[in-house]
């Protein structure tokens, strides 16, 4: 990063302005598969919308194995056709649950409890269909593995506030943020950043009109990920 020190300083100032938040009350928070499903549902949308979708899934599915065998279009009907990136999201979620079942012979991630962080990282990041944001969030929330979940929503806002370089991919930005934020602060930082994103980043405004226009441009990009339409239909296991 050519402007790493400047972005790091802006990030520190931004996090101070955003402040801290109380940990959200997520359902079944101790179950890693629930964390996985919510992490897929929260990608490129808001926490509140993801929680509503999760409750609809719980109401309409017998269990997570039922969710695994449902076709993507059936899950779209459950969470709503207007849900952001609905078909891609459901294709990816089905691919991940199927991969877990092939590995475990059950839809469960309990086998990862007590394993080393390197083993957990390899397992989660090689799941079919998993996205950068979801992989990082599952590791962080379910297994206390250091990392900062990043999707295009957060990336666009950080770029608008000059707290990240536009040249960084989601994976590289997530790694860079992890180096800027201490491990013991990563979970609370994720919650604070997620709430900021949920509110559209309006709590802290860019310092100039040019930055604001950059934020709008980035937000527009987040609604259509590069290559997602063509690659996902052919192979939902393609990473984002």
C-alpha atoms as a PDB file:
ATOM      1  CA  UNK A   1       0.000   0.000   0.000  1.00  0.00           C
ATOM      2  CA  UNK A   2       1.535   3.276  -1.096  1.00  0.00           C
ATOM      3  CA  UNK A   3      -0.518   5.272   1.425  1.00  0.00           C
ATOM      4  CA  UNK A   4      -0.528   2.685   4.187  1.00  0.00           C
ATOM      5  CA  UNK A   5       0.541   5.027   6.998  1.00  0.00           C
ATOM      6  CA  UNK A   6      -1.970   7.692   5.974  1.00  0.00           C
ATOM      7  CA  UNK A   7      -4.790   5.151   5.686  1.00  0.00           C
ATOM      8  CA  UNK A   8      -3.844   3.628   9.034  1.00  0.00           C
ATOM      9  CA  UNK A   9      -4.020   7.041  10.703  1.00  0.00           C
ATOM     10  CA  UNK A  10      -7.385   7.775   9.087  1.00  0.00           C
ATOM     11  CA  UNK A  11      -8.646   4.354  10.167  1.00  0.00           C
ATOM     12  CA  UNK A  12      -7.675   5.001  13.794  1.00  0.00           C
ATOM     13  CA  UNK A  13      -9.454   8.362  13.734  1.00  0.00           C
ATOM     14  CA  UNK A  14     -12.483   6.809  12.076  1.00  0.00           C
ATOM     15  CA  UNK A  15     -12.760   4.040  14.671  1.00  0.00           C
ATOM     16  CA  UNK A  16     -12.576   6.622  17.452  1.00  0.00           C
ATOM     17  CA  UNK A  17     -15.455   8.573  15.878  1.00  0.00           C
ATOM     18  CA  UNK A  18     -17.542   5.448  15.316  1.00  0.00           C
ATOM     19  CA  UNK A  19     -17.009   4.348  18.903  1.00  0.00           C
ATOM     20  CA  UNK A  20     -17.928   1.010  20.428  1.00  0.00           C
ATOM     21  CA  UNK A  21     -21.263  -0.791  20.531  1.00  0.00           C
ATOM     22  CA  UNK A  22     -22.758  -3.532  22.652  1.00  0.00           C
ATOM     23  CA  UNK A  23     -22.524  -7.007  21.213  1.00  0.00           C
ATOM     24  CA  UNK A  24     -25.700  -7.736  19.225  1.00  0.00           C
ATOM     25  CA  UNK A  25     -28.075 -10.390  20.501  1.00  0.00           C
ATOM     26  CA  UNK A  26     -27.862 -13.067  17.817  1.00  0.00           C
ATOM     27  CA  UNK A  27     -30.013 -16.234  17.985  1.00  0.00           C
ATOM     28  CA  UNK A  28     -28.218 -19.525  18.686  1.00  0.00           C
ATOM     29  CA  UNK A  29     -24.970 -17.606  18.909  1.00  0.00           C
ATOM     30  CA  UNK A  30     -22.993 -20.592  20.237  1.00  0.00           C
ATOM     31  CA  UNK A  31     -23.724 -22.800  17.230  1.00  0.00           C
ATOM     32  CA  UNK A  32     -21.065 -22.432  14.493  1.00  0.00           C
ATOM     33  CA  UNK A  33     -23.473 -23.420  11.695  1.00  0.00           C
ATOM     34  CA  UNK A  34     -25.903 -20.713  12.799  1.00  0.00           C
ATOM     35  CA  UNK A  35     -23.018 -18.238  12.719  1.00  0.00           C
ATOM     36  CA  UNK A  36     -22.194 -19.475   9.220  1.00  0.00           C
ATOM     37  CA  UNK A  37     -25.753 -19.022   7.968  1.00  0.00           C
ATOM     38  CA  UNK A  38     -26.027 -15.540   9.470  1.00  0.00           C
ATOM     39  CA  UNK A  39     -22.633 -14.639   8.011  1.00  0.00           C
ATOM     40  CA  UNK A  40     -23.890 -15.591   4.551  1.00  0.00           C
ATOM     41  CA  UNK A  41     -27.110 -13.648   5.126  1.00  0.00           C
ATOM     42  CA  UNK A  42     -25.289 -10.531   6.391  1.00  0.00           C
ATOM     43  CA  UNK A  43     -22.936 -10.314   3.400  1.00  0.00           C
ATOM     44  CA  UNK A  44     -23.655  -7.143   1.396  1.00  0.00           C
ATOM     45  CA  UNK A  45     -26.762  -6.225   3.403  1.00  0.00           C
ATOM     46  CA  UNK A  46     -27.802  -5.149   6.904  1.00  0.00           C
ATOM     47  CA  UNK A  47     -27.875  -7.068  10.162  1.00  0.00           C
ATOM     48  CA  UNK A  48     -31.589  -6.449  10.682  1.00  0.00           C
ATOM     49  CA  UNK A  49     -32.458  -7.769   7.239  1.00  0.00           C
ATOM     50  CA  UNK A  50     -30.296 -10.849   7.829  1.00  0.00           C
ATOM     51  CA  UNK A  51     -31.998 -11.566  11.154  1.00  0.00           C
ATOM     52  CA  UNK A  52     -35.442 -11.390   9.549  1.00  0.00           C
ATOM     53  CA  UNK A  53     -34.294 -13.767   6.806  1.00  0.00           C
ATOM     54  CA  UNK A  54     -32.829 -16.150   9.382  1.00  0.00           C
ATOM     55  CA  UNK A  55     -36.099 -16.266  11.315  1.00  0.00           C
ATOM     56  CA  UNK A  56     -37.978 -17.009   8.087  1.00  0.00           C
ATOM     57  CA  UNK A  57     -35.608 -19.890   7.401  1.00  0.00           C
ATOM     58  CA  UNK A  58     -36.129 -21.255  10.908  1.00  0.00           C
ATOM     59  CA  UNK A  59     -39.897 -20.991  10.539  1.00  0.00           C
ATOM     60  CA  UNK A  60     -40.018 -22.693   7.139  1.00  0.00           C
ATOM     61  CA  UNK A  61     -37.284 -25.332   7.412  1.00  0.00           C
ATOM     62  CA  UNK A  62     -37.296 -28.431   9.603  1.00  0.00           C
ATOM     63  CA  UNK A  63     -33.596 -28.028  10.381  1.00  0.00           C
ATOM     64  CA  UNK A  64     -30.334 -27.008   8.718  1.00  0.00           C
ATOM     65  CA  UNK A  65     -30.183 -30.310   6.857  1.00  0.00           C
ATOM     66  CA  UNK A  66     -33.504 -29.364   5.286  1.00  0.00           C
ATOM     67  CA  UNK A  67     -31.917 -26.053   4.289  1.00  0.00           C
ATOM     68  CA  UNK A  68     -29.005 -27.963   2.744  1.00  0.00           C
ATOM     69  CA  UNK A  69     -31.212 -29.999   0.417  1.00  0.00           C
ATOM     70  CA  UNK A  70     -33.498 -27.116  -0.594  1.00  0.00           C
ATOM     71  CA  UNK A  71     -32.888 -25.735  -4.062  1.00  0.00           C
ATOM     72  CA  UNK A  72     -31.600 -22.137  -4.159  1.00  0.00           C
ATOM     73  CA  UNK A  73     -34.811 -20.791  -5.704  1.00  0.00           C
ATOM     74  CA  UNK A  74     -36.796 -22.323  -2.831  1.00  0.00           C
ATOM     75  CA  UNK A  75     -34.626 -20.536  -0.275  1.00  0.00           C
ATOM     76  CA  UNK A  76     -35.017 -17.308  -2.258  1.00  0.00           C
ATOM     77  CA  UNK A  77     -38.785 -17.693  -1.905  1.00  0.00           C
ATOM     78  CA  UNK A  78     -38.279 -18.009   1.847  1.00  0.00           C
ATOM     79  CA  UNK A  79     -36.015 -14.994   2.404  1.00  0.00           C
ATOM     80  CA  UNK A  80     -37.688 -12.864  -0.282  1.00  0.00           C
ATOM     81  CA  UNK A  81     -36.992 -12.262  -3.957  1.00  0.00           C
ATOM     82  CA  UNK A  82     -35.934  -8.682  -3.225  1.00  0.00           C
ATOM     83  CA  UNK A  83     -33.218  -9.772  -0.824  1.00  0.00           C
ATOM     84  CA  UNK A  84     -29.881  -8.393  -2.117  1.00  0.00           C
ATOM     85  CA  UNK A  85     -28.002 -10.868  -4.318  1.00  0.00           C
ATOM     86  CA  UNK A  86     -30.670 -13.419  -3.402  1.00  0.00           C
ATOM     87  CA  UNK A  87     -29.976 -16.218  -5.895  1.00  0.00           C
ATOM     88  CA  UNK A  88     -26.175 -15.976  -5.645  1.00  0.00           C
ATOM     89  CA  UNK A  89     -26.385 -15.879  -1.856  1.00  0.00           C
ATOM     90  CA  UNK A  90     -28.574 -18.978  -1.716  1.00  0.00           C
ATOM     91  CA  UNK A  91     -26.448 -20.876  -4.243  1.00  0.00           C
ATOM     92  CA  UNK A  92     -23.350 -20.147  -2.206  1.00  0.00           C
ATOM     93  CA  UNK A  93     -25.015 -21.065   1.094  1.00  0.00           C
ATOM     94  CA  UNK A  94     -26.269 -24.362  -0.310  1.00  0.00           C
ATOM     95  CA  UNK A  95     -22.790 -25.157  -1.670  1.00  0.00           C
ATOM     96  CA  UNK A  96     -21.195 -24.491   1.728  1.00  0.00           C
ATOM     97  CA  UNK A  97     -23.734 -26.573   3.664  1.00  0.00           C
ATOM     98  CA  UNK A  98     -23.354 -29.413   1.162  1.00  0.00           C
ATOM     99  CA  UNK A  99     -19.559 -29.282   1.518  1.00  0.00           C
ATOM    100  CA  UNK A 100     -19.840 -29.425   5.311  1.00  0.00           C
ATOM    101  CA  UNK A 101     -22.127 -32.450   5.006  1.00  0.00           C
ATOM    102  CA  UNK A 102     -19.669 -34.210   2.699  1.00  0.00           C
ATOM    103  CA  UNK A 103     -16.885 -33.578   5.202  1.00  0.00           C
ATOM    104  CA  UNK A 104     -18.778 -34.289   8.420  1.00  0.00           C
ATOM    105  CA  UNK A 105     -21.716 -36.512   7.315  1.00  0.00           C
ATOM    106  CA  UNK A 106     -23.848 -34.076   9.279  1.00  0.00           C
ATOM    107  CA  UNK A 107     -24.557 -30.347   9.013  1.00  0.00           C
ATOM    108  CA  UNK A 108     -22.363 -29.366  11.939  1.00  0.00           C
ATOM    109  CA  UNK A 109     -19.082 -27.584  12.588  1.00  0.00           C
ATOM    110  CA  UNK A 110     -18.661 -28.848  16.131  1.00  0.00           C
ATOM    111  CA  UNK A 111     -15.653 -30.909  15.026  1.00  0.00           C
ATOM    112  CA  UNK A 112     -13.725 -27.645  14.709  1.00  0.00           C
ATOM    113  CA  UNK A 113     -14.151 -26.759  18.375  1.00  0.00           C
ATOM    114  CA  UNK A 114     -10.840 -27.161  20.145  1.00  0.00           C
ATOM    115  CA  UNK A 115      -8.820 -27.315  16.933  1.00  0.00           C
ATOM    116  CA  UNK A 116      -5.975 -24.933  16.200  1.00  0.00           C
ATOM    117  CA  UNK A 117      -6.688 -21.628  14.494  1.00  0.00           C
ATOM    118  CA  UNK A 118      -4.658 -22.630  11.439  1.00  0.00           C
ATOM    119  CA  UNK A 119      -6.775 -25.750  10.961  1.00  0.00           C
ATOM    120  CA  UNK A 120      -9.994 -23.765  11.449  1.00  0.00           C
ATOM    121  CA  UNK A 121      -8.861 -21.140   8.948  1.00  0.00           C
ATOM    122  CA  UNK A 122      -8.031 -23.745   6.305  1.00  0.00           C
ATOM    123  CA  UNK A 123     -11.333 -25.554   6.833  1.00  0.00           C
ATOM    124  CA  UNK A 124     -13.530 -22.460   6.625  1.00  0.00           C
ATOM    125  CA  UNK A 125     -11.708 -20.717   3.794  1.00  0.00           C
ATOM    126  CA  UNK A 126     -11.833 -23.826   1.591  1.00  0.00           C
ATOM    127  CA  UNK A 127     -15.592 -24.321   1.939  1.00  0.00           C
ATOM    128  CA  UNK A 128     -17.412 -24.233  -1.384  1.00  0.00           C
ATOM    129  CA  UNK A 129     -19.210 -20.945  -1.979  1.00  0.00           C
ATOM    130  CA  UNK A 130     -17.757 -19.087   0.989  1.00  0.00           C
ATOM    131  CA  UNK A 131     -17.060 -15.361   0.576  1.00  0.00           C
ATOM    132  CA  UNK A 132     -14.219 -13.311   2.092  1.00  0.00           C
ATOM    133  CA  UNK A 133     -16.630 -11.557   4.470  1.00  0.00           C
ATOM    134  CA  UNK A 134     -18.397 -14.720   5.596  1.00  0.00           C
ATOM    135  CA  UNK A 135     -15.201 -16.732   6.045  1.00  0.00           C
ATOM    136  CA  UNK A 136     -13.655 -14.047   8.258  1.00  0.00           C
ATOM    137  CA  UNK A 137     -16.855 -13.566  10.255  1.00  0.00           C
ATOM    138  CA  UNK A 138     -17.339 -17.280  10.937  1.00  0.00           C
ATOM    139  CA  UNK A 139     -13.774 -17.600  12.191  1.00  0.00           C
ATOM    140  CA  UNK A 140     -14.044 -14.475  14.329  1.00  0.00           C
ATOM    141  CA  UNK A 141     -17.494 -14.940  15.875  1.00  0.00           C
ATOM    142  CA  UNK A 142     -17.663 -18.730  16.157  1.00  0.00           C
ATOM    143  CA  UNK A 143     -14.023 -19.567  16.892  1.00  0.00           C
ATOM    144  CA  UNK A 144     -12.455 -16.327  18.173  1.00  0.00           C
ATOM    145  CA  UNK A 145      -9.926 -16.302  15.347  1.00  0.00           C
ATOM    146  CA  UNK A 146      -8.489 -12.851  14.665  1.00  0.00           C
ATOM    147  CA  UNK A 147      -9.789 -11.182  11.521  1.00  0.00           C
ATOM    148  CA  UNK A 148     -12.005  -8.373  10.247  1.00  0.00           C
ATOM    149  CA  UNK A 149     -14.904  -9.277   7.914  1.00  0.00           C
ATOM    150  CA  UNK A 150     -15.015  -7.043   4.818  1.00  0.00           C
ATOM    151  CA  UNK A 151     -17.584  -6.855   2.029  1.00  0.00           C
ATOM    152  CA  UNK A 152     -18.035  -4.247  -0.698  1.00  0.00           C
ATOM    153  CA  UNK A 153     -20.272  -2.138   1.562  1.00  0.00           C
ATOM    154  CA  UNK A 154     -17.541  -1.680   4.170  1.00  0.00           C
ATOM    155  CA  UNK A 155     -14.791  -1.408   1.560  1.00  0.00           C
ATOM    156  CA  UNK A 156     -16.607   1.424  -0.197  1.00  0.00           C
ATOM    157  CA  UNK A 157     -17.123   3.377   3.024  1.00  0.00           C
ATOM    158  CA  UNK A 158     -13.509   2.940   4.138  1.00  0.00           C
ATOM    159  CA  UNK A 159     -12.273   4.144   0.756  1.00  0.00           C
ATOM    160  CA  UNK A 160     -14.616   7.137   0.930  1.00  0.00           C
ATOM    161  CA  UNK A 161     -13.075   8.076   4.275  1.00  0.00           C
ATOM    162  CA  UNK A 162      -9.526   7.463   2.981  1.00  0.00           C
ATOM    163  CA  UNK A 163      -9.119   4.687   5.558  1.00  0.00           C
ATOM    164  CA  UNK A 164      -8.332   2.100   2.875  1.00  0.00           C
ATOM    165  CA  UNK A 165      -6.770   2.104  -0.558  1.00  0.00           C
ATOM    166  CA  UNK A 166      -9.018   1.462  -3.515  1.00  0.00           C
ATOM    167  CA  UNK A 167      -6.460  -0.883  -5.086  1.00  0.00           C
ATOM    168  CA  UNK A 168      -6.858  -3.478  -2.327  1.00  0.00           C
ATOM    169  CA  UNK A 169      -9.035  -6.536  -2.933  1.00  0.00           C
ATOM    170  CA  UNK A 170     -11.469  -7.646  -0.244  1.00  0.00           C
ATOM    171  CA  UNK A 171      -9.065 -10.359   0.912  1.00  0.00           C
ATOM    172  CA  UNK A 172      -6.099  -7.990   1.034  1.00  0.00           C
ATOM    173  CA  UNK A 173      -8.120  -5.320   2.818  1.00  0.00           C
ATOM    174  CA  UNK A 174      -9.320  -7.820   5.404  1.00  0.00           C
ATOM    175  CA  UNK A 175      -5.710  -8.878   6.030  1.00  0.00           C
ATOM    176  CA  UNK A 176      -4.543  -5.263   6.251  1.00  0.00           C
ATOM    177  CA  UNK A 177      -7.285  -4.371   8.731  1.00  0.00           C
ATOM    178  CA  UNK A 178      -6.328  -7.393  10.827  1.00  0.00           C
ATOM    179  CA  UNK A 179      -2.807  -6.022  11.086  1.00  0.00           C
ATOM    180  CA  UNK A 180      -4.089  -2.599  12.162  1.00  0.00           C
ATOM    181  CA  UNK A 181      -6.490  -3.876  14.815  1.00  0.00           C
ATOM    182  CA  UNK A 182      -5.363  -5.863  17.848  1.00  0.00           C
ATOM    183  CA  UNK A 183      -6.710  -9.390  18.179  1.00  0.00           C
ATOM    184  CA  UNK A 184      -8.486  -8.634  21.448  1.00  0.00           C
ATOM    185  CA  UNK A 185     -10.271  -5.712  19.764  1.00  0.00           C
ATOM    186  CA  UNK A 186     -11.267  -7.478  16.548  1.00  0.00           C
ATOM    187  CA  UNK A 187     -14.717  -8.699  17.608  1.00  0.00           C
ATOM    188  CA  UNK A 188     -15.866  -5.383  19.079  1.00  0.00           C
ATOM    189  CA  UNK A 189     -14.397  -3.561  16.065  1.00  0.00           C
ATOM    190  CA  UNK A 190     -16.355  -5.833  13.718  1.00  0.00           C
ATOM    191  CA  UNK A 191     -19.593  -5.093  15.580  1.00  0.00           C
ATOM    192  CA  UNK A 192     -18.901  -1.354  15.501  1.00  0.00           C
ATOM    193  CA  UNK A 193     -18.045  -1.351  11.787  1.00  0.00           C
ATOM    194  CA  UNK A 194     -21.055  -3.509  10.983  1.00  0.00           C
ATOM    195  CA  UNK A 195     -23.396  -1.139  12.805  1.00  0.00           C
ATOM    196  CA  UNK A 196     -21.789   1.768  10.970  1.00  0.00           C
ATOM    197  CA  UNK A 197     -22.398   0.002   7.662  1.00  0.00           C
ATOM    198  CA  UNK A 198     -25.973  -0.869   8.706  1.00  0.00           C
ATOM    199  CA  UNK A 199     -26.628   2.841   9.154  1.00  0.00           C
ATOM    200  CA  UNK A 200     -25.088   3.638   5.791  1.00  0.00           C
ATOM    201  CA  UNK A 201     -22.009   5.191   7.338  1.00  0.00           C
ATOM    202  CA  UNK A 202     -23.907   8.400   8.049  1.00  0.00           C
ATOM    203  CA  UNK A 203     -22.580   8.702  11.594  1.00  0.00           C
ATOM    204  CA  UNK A 204     -19.222   9.865  10.242  1.00  0.00           C
ATOM    205  CA  UNK A 205     -19.173  11.890   7.027  1.00  0.00           C
ATOM    206  CA  UNK A 206     -16.279  12.168   4.553  1.00  0.00           C
ATOM    207  CA  UNK A 207     -14.331  15.391   4.926  1.00  0.00           C
ATOM    208  CA  UNK A 208     -14.768  16.597   1.357  1.00  0.00           C
ATOM    209  CA  UNK A 209     -17.237  16.474  -1.521  1.00  0.00           C
ATOM    210  CA  UNK A 210     -14.800  14.429  -3.586  1.00  0.00           C
ATOM    211  CA  UNK A 211     -14.672  11.772  -0.872  1.00  0.00           C
ATOM    212  CA  UNK A 212     -18.446  11.702  -0.702  1.00  0.00           C
ATOM    213  CA  UNK A 213     -18.709  11.083  -4.426  1.00  0.00           C
ATOM    214  CA  UNK A 214     -16.185   8.243  -4.089  1.00  0.00           C
ATOM    215  CA  UNK A 215     -18.374   6.659  -1.440  1.00  0.00           C
ATOM    216  CA  UNK A 216     -21.424   6.794  -3.713  1.00  0.00           C
ATOM    217  CA  UNK A 217     -19.495   5.214  -6.534  1.00  0.00           C
ATOM    218  CA  UNK A 218     -18.250   2.399  -4.305  1.00  0.00           C
ATOM    219  CA  UNK A 219     -21.720   1.789  -2.905  1.00  0.00           C
ATOM    220  CA  UNK A 220     -23.037   1.414  -6.428  1.00  0.00           C
ATOM    221  CA  UNK A 221     -20.404  -1.205  -7.162  1.00  0.00           C
ATOM    222  CA  UNK A 222     -21.442  -3.250  -4.140  1.00  0.00           C
ATOM    223  CA  UNK A 223     -24.812  -4.069  -5.652  1.00  0.00           C
ATOM    224  CA  UNK A 224     -23.199  -6.009  -8.483  1.00  0.00           C
ATOM    225  CA  UNK A 225     -19.997  -7.861  -7.726  1.00  0.00           C
ATOM    226  CA  UNK A 226     -17.555  -8.326 -10.554  1.00  0.00           C
ATOM    227  CA  UNK A 227     -18.185 -11.582 -12.348  1.00  0.00           C
ATOM    228  CA  UNK A 228     -20.757 -12.821  -9.815  1.00  0.00           C
ATOM    229  CA  UNK A 229     -23.567 -13.228 -12.345  1.00  0.00           C
ATOM    230  CA  UNK A 230     -21.648 -15.394 -14.781  1.00  0.00           C
ATOM    231  CA  UNK A 231     -19.402 -17.377 -12.431  1.00  0.00           C
ATOM    232  CA  UNK A 232     -21.903 -18.239  -9.746  1.00  0.00           C
ATOM    233  CA  UNK A 233     -24.533 -19.675 -12.052  1.00  0.00           C
ATOM    234  CA  UNK A 234     -21.968 -22.058 -13.481  1.00  0.00           C
ATOM    235  CA  UNK A 235     -20.177 -22.828 -10.236  1.00  0.00           C
ATOM    236  CA  UNK A 236     -21.407 -21.514  -6.869  1.00  0.00           C
ATOM    237  CA  UNK A 237     -18.135 -22.588  -5.285  1.00  0.00           C
ATOM    238  CA  UNK A 238     -16.311 -19.624  -6.809  1.00  0.00           C
ATOM    239  CA  UNK A 239     -14.950 -17.431  -4.042  1.00  0.00           C
ATOM    240  CA  UNK A 240     -15.898 -13.744  -3.810  1.00  0.00           C
END
